[in-house]
């Protein structure tokens, strides 16, 4: 039973990993982002494309990685604050906002 669950978990994680670009994949693995987020589907947390739709600035995403606001995502479990160096968080934020398409994301408070 345990081995079946483990294999299922590994298969789900492998599928999630396929969605990330090669330059982002090491970051989502290092900081365990892929445990809760996928690019275009809800997992534990919202899809990155849904985050991009919020049109937060890159700086706001960096801030929210370190100090999440559960009120921004009702219906989801609260995200734990992560200690991600600003340079890595900014790479992640820039990539997340690139998923919105159609140019530079606008700043939104929240």
N, C-alpha and C. Protein backbone atom coordinates (compact mmCIF):
# COMPACT_ATOMS: atom_id res chain seq x y z
N UNK A 1 0.83 -1.20 0.00
CA UNK A 1 0.00 0.00 0.00
C UNK A 1 0.86 1.25 0.00
N UNK A 2 1.84 1.29 0.91
CA UNK A 2 2.72 2.46 0.99
C UNK A 2 3.46 2.67 -0.32
N UNK A 3 3.95 1.59 -0.92
CA UNK A 3 4.70 1.74 -2.17
C UNK A 3 3.81 2.26 -3.30
N UNK A 4 2.55 1.88 -3.31
CA UNK A 4 1.62 2.39 -4.33
C UNK A 4 1.41 3.89 -4.14
N UNK A 5 1.25 4.32 -2.88
CA UNK A 5 1.10 5.74 -2.60
C UNK A 5 2.35 6.51 -2.98
N UNK A 6 3.50 5.95 -2.66
CA UNK A 6 4.76 6.60 -2.99
C UNK A 6 4.91 6.76 -4.50
N UNK A 7 4.62 5.69 -5.24
CA UNK A 7 4.72 5.77 -6.70
C UNK A 7 3.73 6.77 -7.28
N UNK A 8 2.54 6.84 -6.73
CA UNK A 8 1.56 7.82 -7.19
C UNK A 8 2.07 9.23 -6.93
N UNK A 9 2.60 9.46 -5.74
CA UNK A 9 3.15 10.77 -5.41
C UNK A 9 4.29 11.15 -6.32
N UNK A 10 5.17 10.21 -6.59
CA UNK A 10 6.30 10.49 -7.48
C UNK A 10 5.82 10.78 -8.90
N UNK A 11 4.81 10.07 -9.35
CA UNK A 11 4.28 10.31 -10.69
C UNK A 11 3.65 11.69 -10.79
N UNK A 12 2.92 12.08 -9.75
CA UNK A 12 2.31 13.42 -9.75
C UNK A 12 3.40 14.48 -9.73
N UNK A 13 4.42 14.30 -8.90
CA UNK A 13 5.52 15.27 -8.83
C UNK A 13 6.26 15.34 -10.16
N UNK A 14 6.50 14.20 -10.79
CA UNK A 14 7.19 14.19 -12.08
C UNK A 14 6.38 14.94 -13.13
N UNK A 15 5.07 14.77 -13.12
CA UNK A 15 4.21 15.49 -14.06
C UNK A 15 4.30 16.98 -13.81
N UNK A 16 4.27 17.38 -12.54
CA UNK A 16 4.35 18.81 -12.21
C UNK A 16 5.67 19.39 -12.67
N UNK A 17 6.75 18.62 -12.55
CA UNK A 17 8.07 19.12 -12.93
C UNK A 17 8.16 19.40 -14.43
N UNK A 18 7.41 18.69 -15.22
CA UNK A 18 7.48 18.88 -16.67
C UNK A 18 6.96 20.24 -17.09
N UNK A 19 6.19 20.90 -16.25
CA UNK A 19 5.58 22.17 -16.60
C UNK A 19 6.52 23.37 -16.42
N UNK A 20 7.64 23.19 -15.74
CA UNK A 20 8.51 24.31 -15.41
C UNK A 20 9.64 24.44 -16.43
N UNK A 21 9.96 25.68 -16.83
CA UNK A 21 11.11 25.88 -17.74
C UNK A 21 12.41 25.46 -17.05
N UNK A 22 13.39 25.13 -17.85
CA UNK A 22 14.67 24.62 -17.33
C UNK A 22 15.36 25.57 -16.36
N UNK A 23 15.23 26.88 -16.55
CA UNK A 23 15.90 27.82 -15.65
C UNK A 23 15.13 28.03 -14.34
N UNK A 24 13.85 27.67 -14.32
CA UNK A 24 13.01 27.83 -13.14
C UNK A 24 12.93 26.53 -12.34
N UNK A 25 13.03 25.41 -13.01
CA UNK A 25 12.90 24.10 -12.35
C UNK A 25 13.83 23.94 -11.15
N UNK A 26 15.12 24.35 -11.22
CA UNK A 26 15.97 24.20 -10.03
C UNK A 26 15.48 25.02 -8.83
N UNK A 27 14.90 26.18 -9.10
CA UNK A 27 14.40 27.03 -8.01
C UNK A 27 13.16 26.43 -7.36
N UNK A 28 12.21 25.95 -8.16
CA UNK A 28 10.99 25.38 -7.58
C UNK A 28 11.30 24.09 -6.83
N UNK A 29 12.35 23.40 -7.24
CA UNK A 29 12.77 22.21 -6.51
C UNK A 29 13.48 22.59 -5.21
N UNK A 30 14.40 23.54 -5.28
CA UNK A 30 15.17 23.95 -4.11
C UNK A 30 14.28 24.47 -2.99
N UNK A 31 13.27 25.26 -3.34
CA UNK A 31 12.41 25.88 -2.35
C UNK A 31 11.08 25.13 -2.17
N UNK A 32 10.96 23.96 -2.79
CA UNK A 32 9.79 23.07 -2.68
C UNK A 32 8.49 23.72 -3.17
N UNK A 33 8.58 24.68 -4.06
CA UNK A 33 7.39 25.33 -4.62
C UNK A 33 6.48 24.33 -5.34
N UNK A 34 7.11 23.38 -6.03
CA UNK A 34 6.34 22.43 -6.84
C UNK A 34 5.54 21.46 -5.98
N UNK A 35 5.77 21.44 -4.68
CA UNK A 35 4.97 20.59 -3.81
C UNK A 35 3.54 21.12 -3.72
N UNK A 36 3.36 22.41 -3.92
CA UNK A 36 2.04 23.02 -3.77
C UNK A 36 1.52 23.73 -5.01
N UNK A 37 2.39 24.03 -5.96
CA UNK A 37 1.98 24.82 -7.13
C UNK A 37 2.34 24.13 -8.44
N UNK A 38 1.44 24.26 -9.40
CA UNK A 38 1.69 23.85 -10.78
C UNK A 38 1.53 25.10 -11.65
N UNK A 39 1.93 25.00 -12.88
CA UNK A 39 1.85 26.14 -13.78
C UNK A 39 0.41 26.51 -14.08
N UNK A 40 -0.39 25.53 -14.48
CA UNK A 40 -1.72 25.86 -14.99
C UNK A 40 -2.87 25.10 -14.34
N UNK A 41 -2.62 24.53 -13.18
CA UNK A 41 -3.68 23.81 -12.48
C UNK A 41 -3.52 23.97 -10.97
N UNK A 42 -4.63 24.00 -10.29
CA UNK A 42 -4.61 24.06 -8.83
C UNK A 42 -4.00 22.78 -8.28
N UNK A 43 -3.17 22.91 -7.30
CA UNK A 43 -2.64 21.74 -6.58
C UNK A 43 -3.06 21.97 -5.14
N UNK A 44 -2.15 22.20 -4.23
CA UNK A 44 -2.50 22.64 -2.88
C UNK A 44 -2.75 24.14 -2.92
N UNK A 45 -1.89 24.84 -3.64
CA UNK A 45 -2.02 26.28 -3.82
C UNK A 45 -2.49 26.59 -5.23
N UNK A 46 -2.67 27.87 -5.51
CA UNK A 46 -3.15 28.26 -6.84
C UNK A 46 -2.12 28.00 -7.92
N UNK A 47 -2.62 27.85 -9.14
CA UNK A 47 -1.73 27.72 -10.30
C UNK A 47 -0.96 29.02 -10.48
N UNK A 48 0.26 28.91 -10.95
CA UNK A 48 1.04 30.13 -11.19
C UNK A 48 0.35 31.05 -12.19
N UNK A 49 -0.35 30.49 -13.17
CA UNK A 49 -1.07 31.33 -14.13
C UNK A 49 -2.16 32.13 -13.43
N UNK A 50 -2.77 31.56 -12.39
CA UNK A 50 -3.78 32.29 -11.63
C UNK A 50 -3.14 33.40 -10.80
N UNK A 51 -1.95 33.14 -10.28
CA UNK A 51 -1.22 34.19 -9.56
C UNK A 51 -0.91 35.33 -10.52
N UNK A 52 -0.46 34.98 -11.73
CA UNK A 52 -0.13 36.01 -12.72
C UNK A 52 -1.35 36.86 -13.06
N UNK A 53 -2.53 36.27 -13.05
CA UNK A 53 -3.76 37.02 -13.36
C UNK A 53 -4.05 38.09 -12.32
N UNK A 54 -3.49 37.96 -11.12
CA UNK A 54 -3.69 38.97 -10.07
C UNK A 54 -2.94 40.26 -10.40
N UNK A 55 -1.99 40.17 -11.31
CA UNK A 55 -1.21 41.34 -11.78
C UNK A 55 -0.45 42.04 -10.66
N UNK A 56 0.09 41.23 -9.74
CA UNK A 56 0.99 41.78 -8.73
C UNK A 56 2.28 42.20 -9.41
N UNK A 57 2.94 43.20 -8.89
CA UNK A 57 4.28 43.54 -9.39
C UNK A 57 5.23 42.43 -8.95
N UNK A 58 6.38 42.36 -9.61
CA UNK A 58 7.40 41.39 -9.20
C UNK A 58 7.77 41.60 -7.74
N UNK A 59 7.91 42.85 -7.34
CA UNK A 59 8.28 43.16 -5.96
C UNK A 59 7.23 42.68 -4.98
N UNK A 60 5.95 42.78 -5.35
CA UNK A 60 4.87 42.33 -4.47
C UNK A 60 4.90 40.81 -4.34
N UNK A 61 5.17 40.11 -5.42
CA UNK A 61 5.27 38.65 -5.34
C UNK A 61 6.42 38.26 -4.42
N UNK A 62 7.56 38.93 -4.56
CA UNK A 62 8.71 38.66 -3.68
C UNK A 62 8.29 38.86 -2.22
N UNK A 63 7.58 39.95 -1.96
CA UNK A 63 7.11 40.24 -0.60
C UNK A 63 6.18 39.13 -0.10
N UNK A 64 5.27 38.68 -0.95
CA UNK A 64 4.29 37.67 -0.55
C UNK A 64 4.91 36.29 -0.36
N UNK A 65 6.02 36.01 -1.04
CA UNK A 65 6.72 34.74 -0.80
C UNK A 65 7.21 34.70 0.65
N UNK A 66 7.74 35.82 1.11
CA UNK A 66 8.27 35.90 2.47
C UNK A 66 7.22 36.15 3.53
N UNK A 67 6.11 36.76 3.15
CA UNK A 67 5.04 37.08 4.10
C UNK A 67 3.69 36.92 3.41
N UNK A 68 3.26 35.67 3.21
CA UNK A 68 1.99 35.42 2.51
C UNK A 68 0.80 36.03 3.25
N UNK A 69 -0.22 36.37 2.48
CA UNK A 69 -1.47 36.89 3.04
C UNK A 69 -2.59 35.94 2.63
N UNK A 70 -2.97 35.04 3.53
CA UNK A 70 -4.02 34.07 3.19
C UNK A 70 -5.31 34.70 2.70
N UNK A 71 -5.58 35.93 3.12
CA UNK A 71 -6.81 36.60 2.67
C UNK A 71 -6.80 36.86 1.17
N UNK A 72 -5.62 36.83 0.54
CA UNK A 72 -5.54 37.02 -0.92
C UNK A 72 -6.05 35.79 -1.68
N UNK A 73 -6.08 34.63 -1.02
CA UNK A 73 -6.46 33.38 -1.68
C UNK A 73 -7.45 32.60 -0.82
N UNK A 74 -8.67 33.11 -0.67
CA UNK A 74 -9.66 32.35 0.10
C UNK A 74 -9.93 31.01 -0.57
N UNK A 75 -10.15 30.00 0.25
CA UNK A 75 -10.42 28.67 -0.30
C UNK A 75 -9.18 27.82 -0.46
N UNK A 76 -8.02 28.39 -0.16
CA UNK A 76 -6.76 27.66 -0.21
C UNK A 76 -6.18 27.58 1.19
N UNK A 77 -5.42 26.52 1.48
CA UNK A 77 -4.72 26.50 2.76
C UNK A 77 -3.71 27.64 2.82
N UNK A 78 -3.47 28.22 3.99
CA UNK A 78 -2.48 29.30 4.08
C UNK A 78 -1.09 28.82 3.69
N UNK A 79 -0.40 29.63 2.93
CA UNK A 79 0.98 29.32 2.55
C UNK A 79 1.91 29.70 3.70
N UNK A 80 2.88 28.86 3.94
CA UNK A 80 3.90 29.18 4.95
C UNK A 80 4.85 30.22 4.38
N UNK A 81 5.34 31.10 5.22
CA UNK A 81 6.35 32.06 4.79
C UNK A 81 7.61 31.30 4.41
N UNK A 82 8.21 31.68 3.30
CA UNK A 82 9.43 31.01 2.83
C UNK A 82 10.60 31.97 2.88
N UNK A 83 11.75 31.45 3.22
CA UNK A 83 12.98 32.24 3.24
C UNK A 83 13.72 31.99 1.92
N UNK A 84 13.32 32.73 0.92
CA UNK A 84 13.91 32.63 -0.41
C UNK A 84 14.74 33.89 -0.63
N UNK A 85 16.03 33.75 -0.95
CA UNK A 85 16.83 34.94 -1.20
C UNK A 85 16.18 35.82 -2.27
N UNK A 86 16.31 37.13 -2.10
CA UNK A 86 15.62 38.07 -2.98
C UNK A 86 15.93 37.82 -4.46
N UNK A 87 17.16 37.51 -4.78
CA UNK A 87 17.53 37.27 -6.19
C UNK A 87 16.73 36.09 -6.76
N UNK A 88 16.64 35.00 -6.02
CA UNK A 88 15.88 33.84 -6.48
C UNK A 88 14.39 34.15 -6.52
N UNK A 89 13.89 34.83 -5.49
CA UNK A 89 12.47 35.18 -5.45
C UNK A 89 12.10 36.08 -6.63
N UNK A 90 13.01 36.98 -6.99
CA UNK A 90 12.74 37.88 -8.12
C UNK A 90 12.71 37.09 -9.44
N UNK A 91 13.57 36.09 -9.58
CA UNK A 91 13.53 35.24 -10.78
C UNK A 91 12.19 34.52 -10.86
N UNK A 92 11.75 33.99 -9.73
CA UNK A 92 10.46 33.31 -9.71
C UNK A 92 9.32 34.28 -10.03
N UNK A 93 9.35 35.45 -9.43
CA UNK A 93 8.30 36.45 -9.65
C UNK A 93 8.24 36.88 -11.12
N UNK A 94 9.40 37.12 -11.70
CA UNK A 94 9.46 37.53 -13.11
C UNK A 94 8.87 36.44 -14.00
N UNK A 95 9.21 35.19 -13.71
CA UNK A 95 8.67 34.08 -14.49
C UNK A 95 7.15 33.98 -14.29
N UNK A 96 6.70 34.06 -13.04
CA UNK A 96 5.25 33.98 -12.78
C UNK A 96 4.52 35.05 -13.58
N UNK A 97 5.01 36.27 -13.54
CA UNK A 97 4.34 37.34 -14.28
C UNK A 97 4.42 37.16 -15.78
N UNK A 98 5.42 36.44 -16.27
CA UNK A 98 5.51 36.18 -17.71
C UNK A 98 4.36 35.29 -18.17
N UNK A 99 3.75 34.57 -17.26
CA UNK A 99 2.65 33.67 -17.61
C UNK A 99 1.37 34.42 -17.93
N UNK A 100 1.29 35.69 -17.53
CA UNK A 100 0.11 36.49 -17.81
C UNK A 100 0.00 36.82 -19.29
N UNK A 101 1.15 36.86 -19.98
CA UNK A 101 1.15 37.21 -21.39
C UNK A 101 0.75 38.66 -21.61
N UNK A 102 1.03 39.16 -22.76
CA UNK A 102 0.60 40.50 -23.12
C UNK A 102 1.30 41.63 -22.41
N UNK A 103 2.58 41.48 -22.12
CA UNK A 103 3.35 42.62 -21.60
C UNK A 103 3.58 42.60 -20.11
N UNK A 104 4.04 43.73 -19.61
CA UNK A 104 4.45 43.88 -18.23
C UNK A 104 3.24 43.86 -17.30
N UNK A 105 3.38 43.12 -16.21
CA UNK A 105 2.31 43.07 -15.22
C UNK A 105 2.24 44.39 -14.47
N UNK A 106 1.02 44.77 -14.11
CA UNK A 106 0.82 46.01 -13.35
C UNK A 106 0.87 45.69 -11.86
N UNK A 107 1.17 46.69 -11.09
CA UNK A 107 1.21 46.54 -9.65
C UNK A 107 -0.20 46.48 -9.10
N UNK A 108 -0.41 45.63 -8.11
CA UNK A 108 -1.71 45.54 -7.43
C UNK A 108 -1.40 45.36 -5.95
N UNK A 109 -2.07 46.13 -5.14
CA UNK A 109 -1.88 45.99 -3.70
C UNK A 109 -2.65 44.78 -3.22
N UNK A 110 -2.16 44.22 -2.09
CA UNK A 110 -2.92 43.09 -1.55
C UNK A 110 -2.20 42.38 -0.48
